[in-house]
């Protein structure tokens, strides 16, 4: 079972990934928690480039290629081996993020992005994608509050984007979710973490019940 979490900055993805992992483990499910970008040694280097708020001259095509390089390594070294062992994989962001951020928000060619995603993943798709949706202003407020609590406080390169960019990201995610209703579940992320977790678990229950 391959589950991904998507959403704009500050929507609570990381929190819900961790909560779902603990819940699955409590039920005896072998689960791997992972994320993009940066879940492999090579990916750590790519992540530093992509999120460095001082890196302002990265062109959209270079950004796209870096994300796809990270994904190729991630799938080959983490995701696919875990699935082949029979483990569940829960991932914070996957190829939908590239479709939305680099495609719908940045304006890169969608056919190219979809072809790259298909190539670097070998056609692998999530069984379930949880989209945590919240208003742009709320997500950015949370992200800024989170960053202030860190020792290396400061907005990353994406959080420093304009409100129009983040609005395009939110709209893009909702558009993608509407296009694949059998894979996506959309959850209101303005609710409390406990209520969001409850709805996530209800979405996962059919796979826990088995055929």
N, C-alpha and C. Protein backbone atom coordinates (compact mmCIF):
# COMPACT_ATOMS: atom_id res chain seq x y z
N UNK A 1 0.84 -1.19 0.00
CA UNK A 1 0.00 0.00 0.00
C UNK A 1 0.88 1.24 0.00
N UNK A 2 0.63 2.14 -0.93
CA UNK A 2 1.43 3.35 -1.08
C UNK A 2 0.51 4.55 -0.91
N UNK A 3 0.74 5.32 0.16
CA UNK A 3 -0.10 6.47 0.50
C UNK A 3 0.77 7.73 0.44
N UNK A 4 0.27 8.77 -0.22
CA UNK A 4 0.98 10.04 -0.26
C UNK A 4 0.12 11.14 0.34
N UNK A 5 0.78 12.13 0.91
CA UNK A 5 0.13 13.32 1.45
C UNK A 5 0.58 14.53 0.63
N UNK A 6 -0.38 15.36 0.27
CA UNK A 6 -0.09 16.56 -0.51
C UNK A 6 -0.79 17.77 0.10
N UNK A 7 -0.32 18.95 -0.32
CA UNK A 7 -0.92 20.20 0.15
C UNK A 7 0.11 21.31 0.18
N UNK A 8 -0.37 22.52 0.31
CA UNK A 8 0.52 23.67 0.34
C UNK A 8 1.28 23.75 1.66
N UNK A 9 2.23 24.67 1.72
CA UNK A 9 3.00 24.87 2.93
C UNK A 9 2.07 25.15 4.11
N UNK A 10 2.38 24.53 5.25
CA UNK A 10 1.64 24.81 6.47
C UNK A 10 0.33 24.06 6.63
N UNK A 11 0.04 23.11 5.75
CA UNK A 11 -1.25 22.41 5.83
C UNK A 11 -1.24 21.27 6.84
N UNK A 12 -0.07 20.87 7.34
CA UNK A 12 -0.02 19.83 8.36
C UNK A 12 0.35 18.45 7.85
N UNK A 13 0.95 18.35 6.67
CA UNK A 13 1.28 17.05 6.10
C UNK A 13 2.20 16.23 7.00
N UNK A 14 3.28 16.84 7.44
CA UNK A 14 4.27 16.09 8.22
C UNK A 14 3.66 15.54 9.51
N UNK A 15 2.84 16.35 10.15
CA UNK A 15 2.16 15.90 11.38
C UNK A 15 1.30 14.68 11.11
N UNK A 16 0.52 14.73 10.04
CA UNK A 16 -0.40 13.64 9.75
C UNK A 16 0.33 12.39 9.23
N UNK A 17 1.43 12.57 8.53
CA UNK A 17 2.24 11.41 8.13
C UNK A 17 2.72 10.66 9.36
N UNK A 18 3.24 11.40 10.35
CA UNK A 18 3.74 10.78 11.57
C UNK A 18 2.61 10.10 12.34
N UNK A 19 1.46 10.75 12.43
CA UNK A 19 0.33 10.16 13.16
C UNK A 19 -0.17 8.89 12.49
N UNK A 20 -0.27 8.92 11.16
CA UNK A 20 -0.72 7.74 10.47
C UNK A 20 0.28 6.60 10.64
N UNK A 21 1.56 6.92 10.59
CA UNK A 21 2.57 5.89 10.80
C UNK A 21 2.43 5.21 12.14
N UNK A 22 2.25 6.00 13.19
CA UNK A 22 2.09 5.43 14.53
C UNK A 22 0.83 4.58 14.62
N UNK A 23 -0.25 5.04 14.02
CA UNK A 23 -1.50 4.30 14.05
C UNK A 23 -1.36 2.96 13.33
N UNK A 24 -0.71 2.98 12.17
CA UNK A 24 -0.52 1.74 11.42
C UNK A 24 0.37 0.75 12.19
N UNK A 25 1.44 1.27 12.79
CA UNK A 25 2.32 0.41 13.57
C UNK A 25 1.58 -0.22 14.74
N UNK A 26 0.67 0.54 15.37
CA UNK A 26 -0.10 0.00 16.50
C UNK A 26 -1.02 -1.13 16.07
N UNK A 27 -1.31 -1.20 14.78
CA UNK A 27 -2.16 -2.27 14.25
C UNK A 27 -1.33 -3.40 13.64
N UNK A 28 -0.04 -3.34 13.84
CA UNK A 28 0.83 -4.40 13.35
C UNK A 28 1.23 -4.28 11.90
N UNK A 29 1.01 -3.11 11.30
CA UNK A 29 1.39 -2.89 9.90
C UNK A 29 2.85 -2.45 9.82
N UNK A 30 3.61 -3.10 8.99
CA UNK A 30 4.98 -2.65 8.74
C UNK A 30 4.92 -1.45 7.79
N UNK A 31 5.42 -0.31 8.24
CA UNK A 31 5.26 0.92 7.48
C UNK A 31 6.56 1.70 7.45
N UNK A 32 6.84 2.28 6.30
CA UNK A 32 7.98 3.16 6.10
C UNK A 32 7.45 4.58 5.89
N UNK A 33 7.96 5.54 6.66
CA UNK A 33 7.60 6.94 6.47
C UNK A 33 8.73 7.62 5.70
N UNK A 34 8.38 8.34 4.66
CA UNK A 34 9.40 8.99 3.84
C UNK A 34 8.89 10.31 3.31
N UNK A 35 9.67 10.98 2.50
CA UNK A 35 9.31 12.33 2.06
C UNK A 35 10.09 12.70 0.81
N UNK A 36 9.61 13.75 0.15
CA UNK A 36 10.35 14.34 -0.98
C UNK A 36 10.37 15.86 -0.83
N UNK A 37 11.47 16.48 -1.23
CA UNK A 37 12.74 15.89 -1.64
C UNK A 37 13.63 15.63 -0.43
N UNK A 38 14.63 14.74 -0.59
CA UNK A 38 15.67 14.63 0.41
C UNK A 38 15.74 13.36 1.22
N UNK A 39 15.03 12.30 0.84
CA UNK A 39 14.99 11.09 1.66
C UNK A 39 16.15 10.13 1.42
N UNK A 40 17.05 10.46 0.51
CA UNK A 40 18.23 9.64 0.25
C UNK A 40 19.47 10.51 0.42
N UNK A 41 20.66 9.92 0.54
CA UNK A 41 21.86 10.75 0.65
C UNK A 41 22.01 11.74 -0.50
N UNK A 42 21.78 11.27 -1.74
CA UNK A 42 21.85 12.19 -2.88
C UNK A 42 20.74 13.23 -2.78
N UNK A 43 19.57 12.79 -2.33
CA UNK A 43 18.44 13.70 -2.21
C UNK A 43 18.67 14.80 -1.19
N UNK A 44 19.45 14.53 -0.15
CA UNK A 44 19.73 15.57 0.84
C UNK A 44 20.43 16.76 0.19
N UNK A 45 21.36 16.46 -0.70
CA UNK A 45 22.07 17.54 -1.40
C UNK A 45 21.12 18.30 -2.31
N UNK A 46 20.28 17.58 -3.03
CA UNK A 46 19.31 18.22 -3.92
C UNK A 46 18.35 19.09 -3.12
N UNK A 47 17.90 18.60 -1.96
CA UNK A 47 16.96 19.36 -1.13
C UNK A 47 17.56 20.69 -0.68
N UNK A 48 18.83 20.67 -0.31
CA UNK A 48 19.47 21.91 0.12
C UNK A 48 19.45 22.96 -0.99
N UNK A 49 19.68 22.51 -2.21
CA UNK A 49 19.66 23.44 -3.35
C UNK A 49 18.24 23.98 -3.56
N UNK A 50 17.26 23.08 -3.54
CA UNK A 50 15.89 23.46 -3.87
C UNK A 50 15.26 24.40 -2.84
N UNK A 51 15.57 24.20 -1.56
CA UNK A 51 14.88 24.96 -0.52
C UNK A 51 15.68 26.14 0.02
N UNK A 52 16.91 26.30 -0.44
CA UNK A 52 17.75 27.39 0.04
C UNK A 52 17.14 28.74 -0.34
N UNK A 53 16.74 29.52 0.68
CA UNK A 53 16.08 30.79 0.40
C UNK A 53 17.02 31.82 -0.22
N UNK A 54 18.31 31.55 -0.17
CA UNK A 54 19.26 32.44 -0.83
C UNK A 54 19.47 32.12 -2.30
N UNK A 55 18.91 31.01 -2.73
CA UNK A 55 19.10 30.55 -4.12
C UNK A 55 17.97 31.11 -4.98
N UNK A 56 18.13 32.33 -5.44
CA UNK A 56 17.05 33.03 -6.14
C UNK A 56 17.16 32.98 -7.67
N UNK A 57 18.23 32.38 -8.17
CA UNK A 57 18.42 32.41 -9.63
C UNK A 57 18.19 31.04 -10.27
N UNK A 58 17.56 30.11 -9.54
CA UNK A 58 17.30 28.80 -10.09
C UNK A 58 16.15 28.88 -11.09
N UNK A 59 16.42 28.55 -12.34
CA UNK A 59 15.39 28.66 -13.38
C UNK A 59 14.40 27.50 -13.25
N UNK A 60 13.16 27.69 -13.70
CA UNK A 60 12.14 26.65 -13.53
C UNK A 60 12.53 25.28 -14.09
N UNK A 61 13.21 25.24 -15.25
CA UNK A 61 13.58 23.95 -15.81
C UNK A 61 14.61 23.23 -14.94
N UNK A 62 15.55 23.97 -14.39
CA UNK A 62 16.53 23.37 -13.49
C UNK A 62 15.84 22.84 -12.24
N UNK A 63 14.91 23.61 -11.72
CA UNK A 63 14.13 23.19 -10.55
C UNK A 63 13.41 21.88 -10.83
N UNK A 64 12.75 21.81 -11.97
CA UNK A 64 12.02 20.60 -12.36
C UNK A 64 12.96 19.41 -12.43
N UNK A 65 14.09 19.57 -13.09
CA UNK A 65 15.02 18.45 -13.26
C UNK A 65 15.58 17.97 -11.92
N UNK A 66 15.81 18.90 -11.00
CA UNK A 66 16.30 18.50 -9.68
C UNK A 66 15.26 17.68 -8.93
N UNK A 67 14.01 18.09 -8.99
CA UNK A 67 12.96 17.31 -8.33
C UNK A 67 12.85 15.92 -8.94
N UNK A 68 12.94 15.83 -10.24
CA UNK A 68 12.82 14.52 -10.88
C UNK A 68 14.02 13.64 -10.57
N UNK A 69 15.20 14.23 -10.48
CA UNK A 69 16.39 13.45 -10.10
C UNK A 69 16.23 12.90 -8.68
N UNK A 70 15.76 13.73 -7.78
CA UNK A 70 15.51 13.27 -6.41
C UNK A 70 14.49 12.14 -6.40
N UNK A 71 13.43 12.26 -7.20
CA UNK A 71 12.37 11.25 -7.22
C UNK A 71 12.88 9.92 -7.79
N UNK A 72 13.70 9.98 -8.81
CA UNK A 72 14.25 8.76 -9.39
C UNK A 72 15.04 7.98 -8.33
N UNK A 73 15.87 8.68 -7.59
CA UNK A 73 16.68 8.04 -6.55
C UNK A 73 15.79 7.53 -5.41
N UNK A 74 14.81 8.31 -5.05
CA UNK A 74 13.90 7.98 -3.95
C UNK A 74 13.11 6.71 -4.26
N UNK A 75 12.55 6.64 -5.44
CA UNK A 75 11.76 5.46 -5.82
C UNK A 75 12.65 4.23 -5.88
N UNK A 76 13.83 4.36 -6.48
CA UNK A 76 14.71 3.21 -6.66
C UNK A 76 15.30 2.70 -5.35
N UNK A 77 15.59 3.60 -4.43
CA UNK A 77 16.31 3.21 -3.21
C UNK A 77 15.42 3.07 -1.97
N UNK A 78 14.24 3.69 -1.98
CA UNK A 78 13.39 3.67 -0.77
C UNK A 78 12.01 3.09 -1.05
N UNK A 79 11.27 3.71 -1.96
CA UNK A 79 9.85 3.38 -2.12
C UNK A 79 9.64 1.99 -2.70
N UNK A 80 10.21 1.73 -3.85
CA UNK A 80 9.95 0.44 -4.50
C UNK A 80 10.49 -0.74 -3.68
N UNK A 81 11.71 -0.67 -3.11
CA UNK A 81 12.16 -1.79 -2.28
C UNK A 81 11.23 -2.07 -1.10
N UNK A 82 10.69 -1.02 -0.48
CA UNK A 82 9.78 -1.22 0.65
C UNK A 82 8.50 -1.90 0.20
N UNK A 83 7.94 -1.44 -0.91
CA UNK A 83 6.72 -2.05 -1.43
C UNK A 83 6.95 -3.50 -1.82
N UNK A 84 8.10 -3.79 -2.39
CA UNK A 84 8.41 -5.17 -2.78
C UNK A 84 8.57 -6.08 -1.58
N UNK A 85 8.96 -5.53 -0.43
CA UNK A 85 9.05 -6.31 0.81
C UNK A 85 7.67 -6.55 1.43
N UNK A 86 6.67 -5.85 0.92
CA UNK A 86 5.34 -5.96 1.49
C UNK A 86 5.04 -4.92 2.54
N UNK A 87 5.93 -3.93 2.72
CA UNK A 87 5.70 -2.85 3.66
C UNK A 87 4.72 -1.84 3.07
N UNK A 88 4.04 -1.12 3.95
CA UNK A 88 3.30 0.06 3.52
C UNK A 88 4.28 1.23 3.45
N UNK A 89 4.05 2.15 2.52
CA UNK A 89 4.86 3.36 2.41
C UNK A 89 3.94 4.57 2.51
N UNK A 90 4.28 5.47 3.43
CA UNK A 90 3.55 6.73 3.59
C UNK A 90 4.53 7.86 3.30
N UNK A 91 4.21 8.67 2.30
CA UNK A 91 5.17 9.65 1.78
C UNK A 91 4.62 11.07 1.84
N UNK A 92 5.43 11.98 2.37
CA UNK A 92 5.12 13.40 2.43
C UNK A 92 5.58 14.03 1.10
N UNK A 93 4.63 14.21 0.19
CA UNK A 93 4.79 14.70 -1.18
C UNK A 93 5.31 13.61 -2.11
N UNK A 94 4.80 13.66 -3.36
CA UNK A 94 5.27 12.76 -4.42
C UNK A 94 5.07 13.49 -5.73
N UNK A 95 4.77 12.79 -6.82
CA UNK A 95 4.79 13.45 -8.12
C UNK A 95 3.68 14.48 -8.30
N UNK A 96 2.59 14.40 -7.54
CA UNK A 96 1.54 15.42 -7.67
C UNK A 96 2.07 16.81 -7.32
N UNK A 97 3.03 16.86 -6.39
CA UNK A 97 3.62 18.16 -6.04
C UNK A 97 4.31 18.79 -7.24
N UNK A 98 4.97 17.97 -8.05
CA UNK A 98 5.65 18.50 -9.23
C UNK A 98 4.65 18.96 -10.28
N UNK A 99 3.58 18.18 -10.46
CA UNK A 99 2.52 18.60 -11.38
C UNK A 99 1.98 19.97 -10.98
N UNK A 100 1.78 20.17 -9.68
CA UNK A 100 1.17 21.41 -9.20
C UNK A 100 2.17 22.56 -9.14
N UNK A 101 3.29 22.37 -8.45
CA UNK A 101 4.24 23.47 -8.25
C UNK A 101 4.97 23.85 -9.54
N UNK A 102 5.57 22.86 -10.18
CA UNK A 102 6.37 23.17 -11.37
C UNK A 102 5.51 23.29 -12.63
N UNK A 103 4.37 22.59 -12.65
CA UNK A 103 3.50 22.64 -13.82
C UNK A 103 2.46 23.73 -13.74
N UNK A 104 1.46 23.55 -12.91
CA UNK A 104 0.33 24.48 -12.87
C UNK A 104 0.70 25.84 -12.29
N UNK A 105 1.61 25.89 -11.32
CA UNK A 105 1.98 27.18 -10.73
C UNK A 105 3.14 27.85 -11.45
N UNK A 106 4.16 27.07 -11.85
CA UNK A 106 5.32 27.64 -12.54
C UNK A 106 5.10 27.78 -14.05
N UNK A 107 4.17 27.00 -14.60
CA UNK A 107 3.89 27.11 -16.02
C UNK A 107 4.76 26.26 -16.91
N UNK A 108 5.45 25.26 -16.32
CA UNK A 108 6.23 24.34 -17.16
C UNK A 108 5.28 23.45 -17.97
N UNK A 109 5.78 22.89 -19.04
CA UNK A 109 4.96 22.10 -19.95
C UNK A 109 4.44 20.84 -19.24
N UNK A 110 3.12 20.69 -19.20
CA UNK A 110 2.51 19.60 -18.46
C UNK A 110 2.83 18.24 -19.07
N UNK A 111 2.86 18.14 -20.38
CA UNK A 111 3.17 16.86 -21.02
C UNK A 111 4.57 16.40 -20.63
N UNK A 112 5.52 17.34 -20.60
CA UNK A 112 6.89 17.01 -20.20
C UNK A 112 6.93 16.51 -18.76
N UNK A 113 6.23 17.22 -17.87
CA UNK A 113 6.23 16.83 -16.46
C UNK A 113 5.63 15.45 -16.27
N UNK A 114 4.52 15.18 -16.91
CA UNK A 114 3.88 13.88 -16.75
C UNK A 114 4.76 12.77 -17.32
N UNK A 115 5.43 13.04 -18.42
CA UNK A 115 6.34 12.04 -19.00
C UNK A 115 7.52 11.78 -18.08
N UNK A 116 8.09 12.84 -17.51
CA UNK A 116 9.20 12.69 -16.58
C UNK A 116 8.77 11.92 -15.34
N UNK A 117 7.61 12.27 -14.80
CA UNK A 117 7.11 11.56 -13.61
C UNK A 117 6.95 10.07 -13.90
N UNK A 118 6.36 9.77 -15.03
CA UNK A 118 6.14 8.36 -15.40
C UNK A 118 7.47 7.64 -15.59
N UNK A 119 8.44 8.32 -16.19
CA UNK A 119 9.74 7.69 -16.46
C UNK A 119 10.51 7.42 -15.18
N UNK A 120 10.64 8.44 -14.33
CA UNK A 120 11.49 8.27 -13.13
C UNK A 120 10.86 7.35 -12.09
N UNK A 121 9.54 7.19 -12.12
CA UNK A 121 8.88 6.30 -11.16
C UNK A 121 8.66 4.90 -11.73
N UNK A 122 8.93 4.72 -13.01
CA UNK A 122 8.63 3.44 -13.64
C UNK A 122 7.15 3.14 -13.67
N UNK A 123 6.34 4.21 -13.68
CA UNK A 123 4.89 4.04 -13.72
C UNK A 123 4.24 3.84 -12.36
N UNK A 124 5.01 3.93 -11.29
CA UNK A 124 4.46 3.75 -9.94
C UNK A 124 3.53 4.91 -9.58
N UNK A 125 2.35 4.59 -9.06
CA UNK A 125 1.39 5.60 -8.62
C UNK A 125 0.92 5.26 -7.21
N UNK A 126 0.60 6.27 -6.41
CA UNK A 126 0.05 5.99 -5.08
C UNK A 126 -1.30 5.29 -5.18
N UNK A 127 -1.58 4.45 -4.19
CA UNK A 127 -2.91 3.85 -4.08
C UNK A 127 -3.91 4.86 -3.54
N UNK A 128 -3.45 5.72 -2.66
CA UNK A 128 -4.30 6.74 -2.03
C UNK A 128 -3.47 8.00 -1.85
N UNK A 129 -4.05 9.15 -2.20
CA UNK A 129 -3.41 10.43 -1.97
C UNK A 129 -4.33 11.29 -1.12
N UNK A 130 -3.82 11.75 0.01
CA UNK A 130 -4.57 12.60 0.93
C UNK A 130 -4.15 14.05 0.68
N UNK A 131 -5.10 14.86 0.25
CA UNK A 131 -4.84 16.28 0.04
C UNK A 131 -5.38 17.05 1.24
N UNK A 132 -4.48 17.69 1.98
CA UNK A 132 -4.87 18.52 3.11
C UNK A 132 -5.02 19.95 2.60
N UNK A 133 -6.25 20.42 2.57
CA UNK A 133 -6.55 21.70 1.95
C UNK A 133 -6.85 22.76 3.00
N UNK A 134 -6.28 23.94 2.82
CA UNK A 134 -6.58 25.07 3.70
C UNK A 134 -6.38 26.37 2.94
N UNK A 135 -7.01 27.46 3.40
CA UNK A 135 -6.81 28.75 2.75
C UNK A 135 -5.33 29.14 2.73
N UNK A 136 -4.93 29.85 1.71
CA UNK A 136 -3.53 30.23 1.54
C UNK A 136 -2.99 30.99 2.75
N UNK A 137 -3.74 31.97 3.22
CA UNK A 137 -3.26 32.79 4.32
C UNK A 137 -3.04 31.96 5.58
N UNK A 138 -3.93 31.00 5.83
CA UNK A 138 -3.79 30.15 7.01
C UNK A 138 -2.57 29.25 6.89
N UNK A 139 -2.36 28.67 5.72
CA UNK A 139 -1.20 27.81 5.53
C UNK A 139 0.11 28.56 5.72
N UNK A 140 0.19 29.75 5.15
CA UNK A 140 1.42 30.53 5.29
C UNK A 140 1.63 31.01 6.72
N UNK A 141 0.54 31.33 7.41
CA UNK A 141 0.66 31.73 8.82
C UNK A 141 1.25 30.58 9.65
N UNK A 142 0.73 29.39 9.41
CA UNK A 142 1.24 28.22 10.14
C UNK A 142 2.70 27.95 9.79
N UNK A 143 3.03 28.06 8.50
CA UNK A 143 4.41 27.80 8.07
C UNK A 143 5.38 28.78 8.71
N UNK A 144 4.98 30.05 8.77
CA UNK A 144 5.84 31.05 9.38
C UNK A 144 5.99 30.80 10.87
N UNK A 145 4.90 30.43 11.53
CA UNK A 145 4.95 30.11 12.96
C UNK A 145 5.86 28.92 13.21
N UNK A 146 5.77 27.91 12.36
CA UNK A 146 6.64 26.74 12.47
C UNK A 146 8.10 27.11 12.30
N UNK A 147 8.39 27.94 11.30
CA UNK A 147 9.77 28.31 11.03
C UNK A 147 10.38 29.11 12.17
N UNK A 148 9.56 29.94 12.82
CA UNK A 148 10.08 30.74 13.93
C UNK A 148 10.46 29.88 15.12
N UNK A 149 9.89 28.69 15.21
CA UNK A 149 10.19 27.79 16.33
C UNK A 149 11.46 26.98 16.09
N UNK A 150 12.01 27.03 14.88
CA UNK A 150 13.20 26.26 14.55
C UNK A 150 14.46 27.02 14.89
N UNK A 151 15.54 26.27 15.15
CA UNK A 151 16.81 26.92 15.44
C UNK A 151 17.37 27.63 14.22
N UNK A 152 17.02 27.12 13.01
CA UNK A 152 17.49 27.74 11.77
C UNK A 152 16.35 28.55 11.14
N UNK A 153 15.66 29.32 11.98
CA UNK A 153 14.44 30.00 11.57
C UNK A 153 14.64 30.81 10.29
N UNK A 154 13.62 30.77 9.45
CA UNK A 154 13.64 31.52 8.20
C UNK A 154 12.82 30.81 7.15
N UNK A 155 12.12 31.58 6.35
CA UNK A 155 11.29 30.97 5.32
C UNK A 155 12.15 30.32 4.25
N UNK A 156 11.72 29.14 3.76
CA UNK A 156 12.44 28.54 2.67
C UNK A 156 12.04 29.21 1.36
N UNK A 157 12.65 28.74 0.26
CA UNK A 157 12.50 29.43 -1.02
C UNK A 157 11.04 29.45 -1.50
N UNK A 158 10.28 28.41 -1.18
CA UNK A 158 8.90 28.35 -1.65
C UNK A 158 7.96 29.18 -0.78
N UNK A 159 8.22 29.21 0.52
CA UNK A 159 7.38 30.02 1.40
C UNK A 159 7.53 31.51 1.09
N UNK A 160 8.64 31.93 0.46
CA UNK A 160 8.85 33.33 0.13
C UNK A 160 8.18 33.74 -1.17
N UNK A 161 7.51 32.79 -1.83
CA UNK A 161 6.81 33.12 -3.07
C UNK A 161 5.61 34.03 -2.80
N UNK A 162 5.06 34.62 -3.87
CA UNK A 162 3.94 35.54 -3.74
C UNK A 162 2.65 34.82 -3.38
N UNK A 163 1.67 35.60 -2.89
CA UNK A 163 0.36 35.03 -2.59
C UNK A 163 -0.28 34.45 -3.84
N UNK A 164 -0.07 35.09 -4.99
CA UNK A 164 -0.61 34.58 -6.24
C UNK A 164 -0.05 33.19 -6.55
N UNK A 165 1.23 32.99 -6.29
CA UNK A 165 1.84 31.68 -6.52
C UNK A 165 1.20 30.64 -5.62
N UNK A 166 1.05 30.94 -4.35
CA UNK A 166 0.47 29.98 -3.42
C UNK A 166 -1.01 29.74 -3.72
N UNK A 167 -1.71 30.75 -4.20
CA UNK A 167 -3.10 30.55 -4.61
C UNK A 167 -3.17 29.60 -5.80
N UNK A 168 -2.21 29.74 -6.72
CA UNK A 168 -2.16 28.84 -7.87
C UNK A 168 -1.86 27.41 -7.43
N UNK A 169 -1.03 27.27 -6.40
CA UNK A 169 -0.72 25.94 -5.87
C UNK A 169 -1.98 25.31 -5.28
N UNK A 170 -2.69 26.07 -4.45
CA UNK A 170 -3.92 25.51 -3.86
C UNK A 170 -4.93 25.14 -4.93
N UNK A 171 -5.16 26.05 -5.86
CA UNK A 171 -6.12 25.77 -6.94
C UNK A 171 -5.66 24.57 -7.77
N UNK A 172 -4.36 24.47 -7.99
CA UNK A 172 -3.84 23.36 -8.78
C UNK A 172 -4.06 22.02 -8.10
N UNK A 173 -3.83 21.98 -6.80
CA UNK A 173 -4.08 20.73 -6.07
C UNK A 173 -5.54 20.31 -6.16
N UNK A 174 -6.44 21.26 -5.99
CA UNK A 174 -7.87 20.94 -6.06
C UNK A 174 -8.25 20.46 -7.46
N UNK A 175 -7.64 21.06 -8.47
CA UNK A 175 -7.89 20.63 -9.85
C UNK A 175 -7.42 19.20 -10.08
N UNK A 176 -6.22 18.89 -9.60
CA UNK A 176 -5.69 17.53 -9.77
C UNK A 176 -6.56 16.53 -9.01
N UNK A 177 -6.99 16.90 -7.81
CA UNK A 177 -7.84 15.99 -7.02
C UNK A 177 -9.16 15.72 -7.73
N UNK A 178 -9.73 16.74 -8.34
CA UNK A 178 -10.99 16.54 -9.06
C UNK A 178 -10.80 15.63 -10.27
N UNK A 179 -9.62 15.65 -10.85
CA UNK A 179 -9.37 14.84 -12.05
C UNK A 179 -9.17 13.36 -11.73
N UNK A 180 -8.85 13.04 -10.46
CA UNK A 180 -8.65 11.64 -10.06
C UNK A 180 -9.37 11.36 -8.74
N UNK A 181 -10.70 11.40 -8.74
CA UNK A 181 -11.44 11.25 -7.49
C UNK A 181 -11.29 9.87 -6.86
N UNK A 182 -10.95 8.85 -7.63
CA UNK A 182 -10.78 7.52 -7.06
C UNK A 182 -9.50 7.39 -6.26
N UNK A 183 -8.52 8.25 -6.54
CA UNK A 183 -7.24 8.18 -5.80
C UNK A 183 -7.16 9.20 -4.68
N UNK A 184 -7.78 10.34 -4.85
CA UNK A 184 -7.65 11.44 -3.88
C UNK A 184 -8.77 11.43 -2.85
N UNK A 185 -8.42 11.81 -1.63
CA UNK A 185 -9.39 12.23 -0.63
C UNK A 185 -8.96 13.63 -0.17
N UNK A 186 -9.90 14.56 -0.17
CA UNK A 186 -9.60 15.94 0.21
C UNK A 186 -10.13 16.17 1.62
N UNK A 187 -9.27 16.66 2.51
CA UNK A 187 -9.63 16.87 3.91
C UNK A 187 -9.39 18.33 4.27
N UNK A 188 -10.34 18.91 4.98
CA UNK A 188 -10.25 20.29 5.43
C UNK A 188 -9.18 20.39 6.52
N UNK A 189 -8.05 21.00 6.20
CA UNK A 189 -6.92 21.06 7.13
C UNK A 189 -7.05 22.18 8.14
N UNK A 190 -8.14 22.97 8.08
CA UNK A 190 -8.34 24.00 9.11
C UNK A 190 -8.89 23.39 10.40
N UNK A 191 -9.32 22.13 10.33
CA UNK A 191 -9.77 21.43 11.53
C UNK A 191 -8.58 21.15 12.44
N UNK A 192 -8.87 20.74 13.66
CA UNK A 192 -7.81 20.37 14.58
C UNK A 192 -7.10 19.11 14.12
N UNK A 193 -5.85 18.91 14.56
CA UNK A 193 -5.08 17.73 14.14
C UNK A 193 -5.78 16.41 14.45
N UNK A 194 -6.49 16.33 15.57
CA UNK A 194 -7.16 15.08 15.92
C UNK A 194 -8.28 14.76 14.93
N UNK A 195 -9.04 15.76 14.56
CA UNK A 195 -10.13 15.53 13.61
C UNK A 195 -9.58 15.18 12.22
N UNK A 196 -8.53 15.86 11.81
CA UNK A 196 -7.90 15.52 10.53
C UNK A 196 -7.41 14.07 10.56
N UNK A 197 -6.74 13.70 11.65
CA UNK A 197 -6.24 12.33 11.78
C UNK A 197 -7.38 11.31 11.69
N UNK A 198 -8.49 11.62 12.34
CA UNK A 198 -9.64 10.71 12.30
C UNK A 198 -10.14 10.51 10.88
N UNK A 199 -10.18 11.59 10.11
CA UNK A 199 -10.65 11.48 8.73
C UNK A 199 -9.64 10.73 7.86
N UNK A 200 -8.36 10.94 8.13
CA UNK A 200 -7.34 10.19 7.40
C UNK A 200 -7.51 8.69 7.65
N UNK A 201 -7.70 8.32 8.92
CA UNK A 201 -7.84 6.91 9.26
C UNK A 201 -9.08 6.30 8.61
N UNK A 202 -10.16 7.06 8.54
CA UNK A 202 -11.36 6.54 7.88
C UNK A 202 -11.09 6.28 6.39
N UNK A 203 -10.25 7.10 5.80
CA UNK A 203 -9.91 6.92 4.38
C UNK A 203 -9.04 5.69 4.16
N UNK A 204 -8.25 5.34 5.17
CA UNK A 204 -7.32 4.20 5.05
C UNK A 204 -7.99 2.88 5.43
N UNK A 205 -9.05 2.93 6.21
CA UNK A 205 -9.71 1.73 6.72
C UNK A 205 -10.02 0.67 5.66
N UNK A 206 -10.52 1.04 4.46
CA UNK A 206 -10.81 0.00 3.48
C UNK A 206 -9.63 -0.89 3.13
N UNK A 207 -8.42 -0.32 3.13
CA UNK A 207 -7.23 -1.12 2.82
C UNK A 207 -6.80 -1.97 4.02
N UNK A 208 -7.09 -1.50 5.23
CA UNK A 208 -6.78 -2.29 6.41
C UNK A 208 -7.72 -3.49 6.54
N UNK A 209 -8.95 -3.30 6.06
CA UNK A 209 -9.94 -4.38 6.14
C UNK A 209 -9.62 -5.51 5.18
N UNK A 210 -8.88 -5.21 4.12
CA UNK A 210 -8.53 -6.22 3.14
C UNK A 210 -9.65 -6.45 2.15
N UNK A 211 -9.44 -7.39 1.20
CA UNK A 211 -10.43 -7.65 0.15
C UNK A 211 -11.71 -8.26 0.70
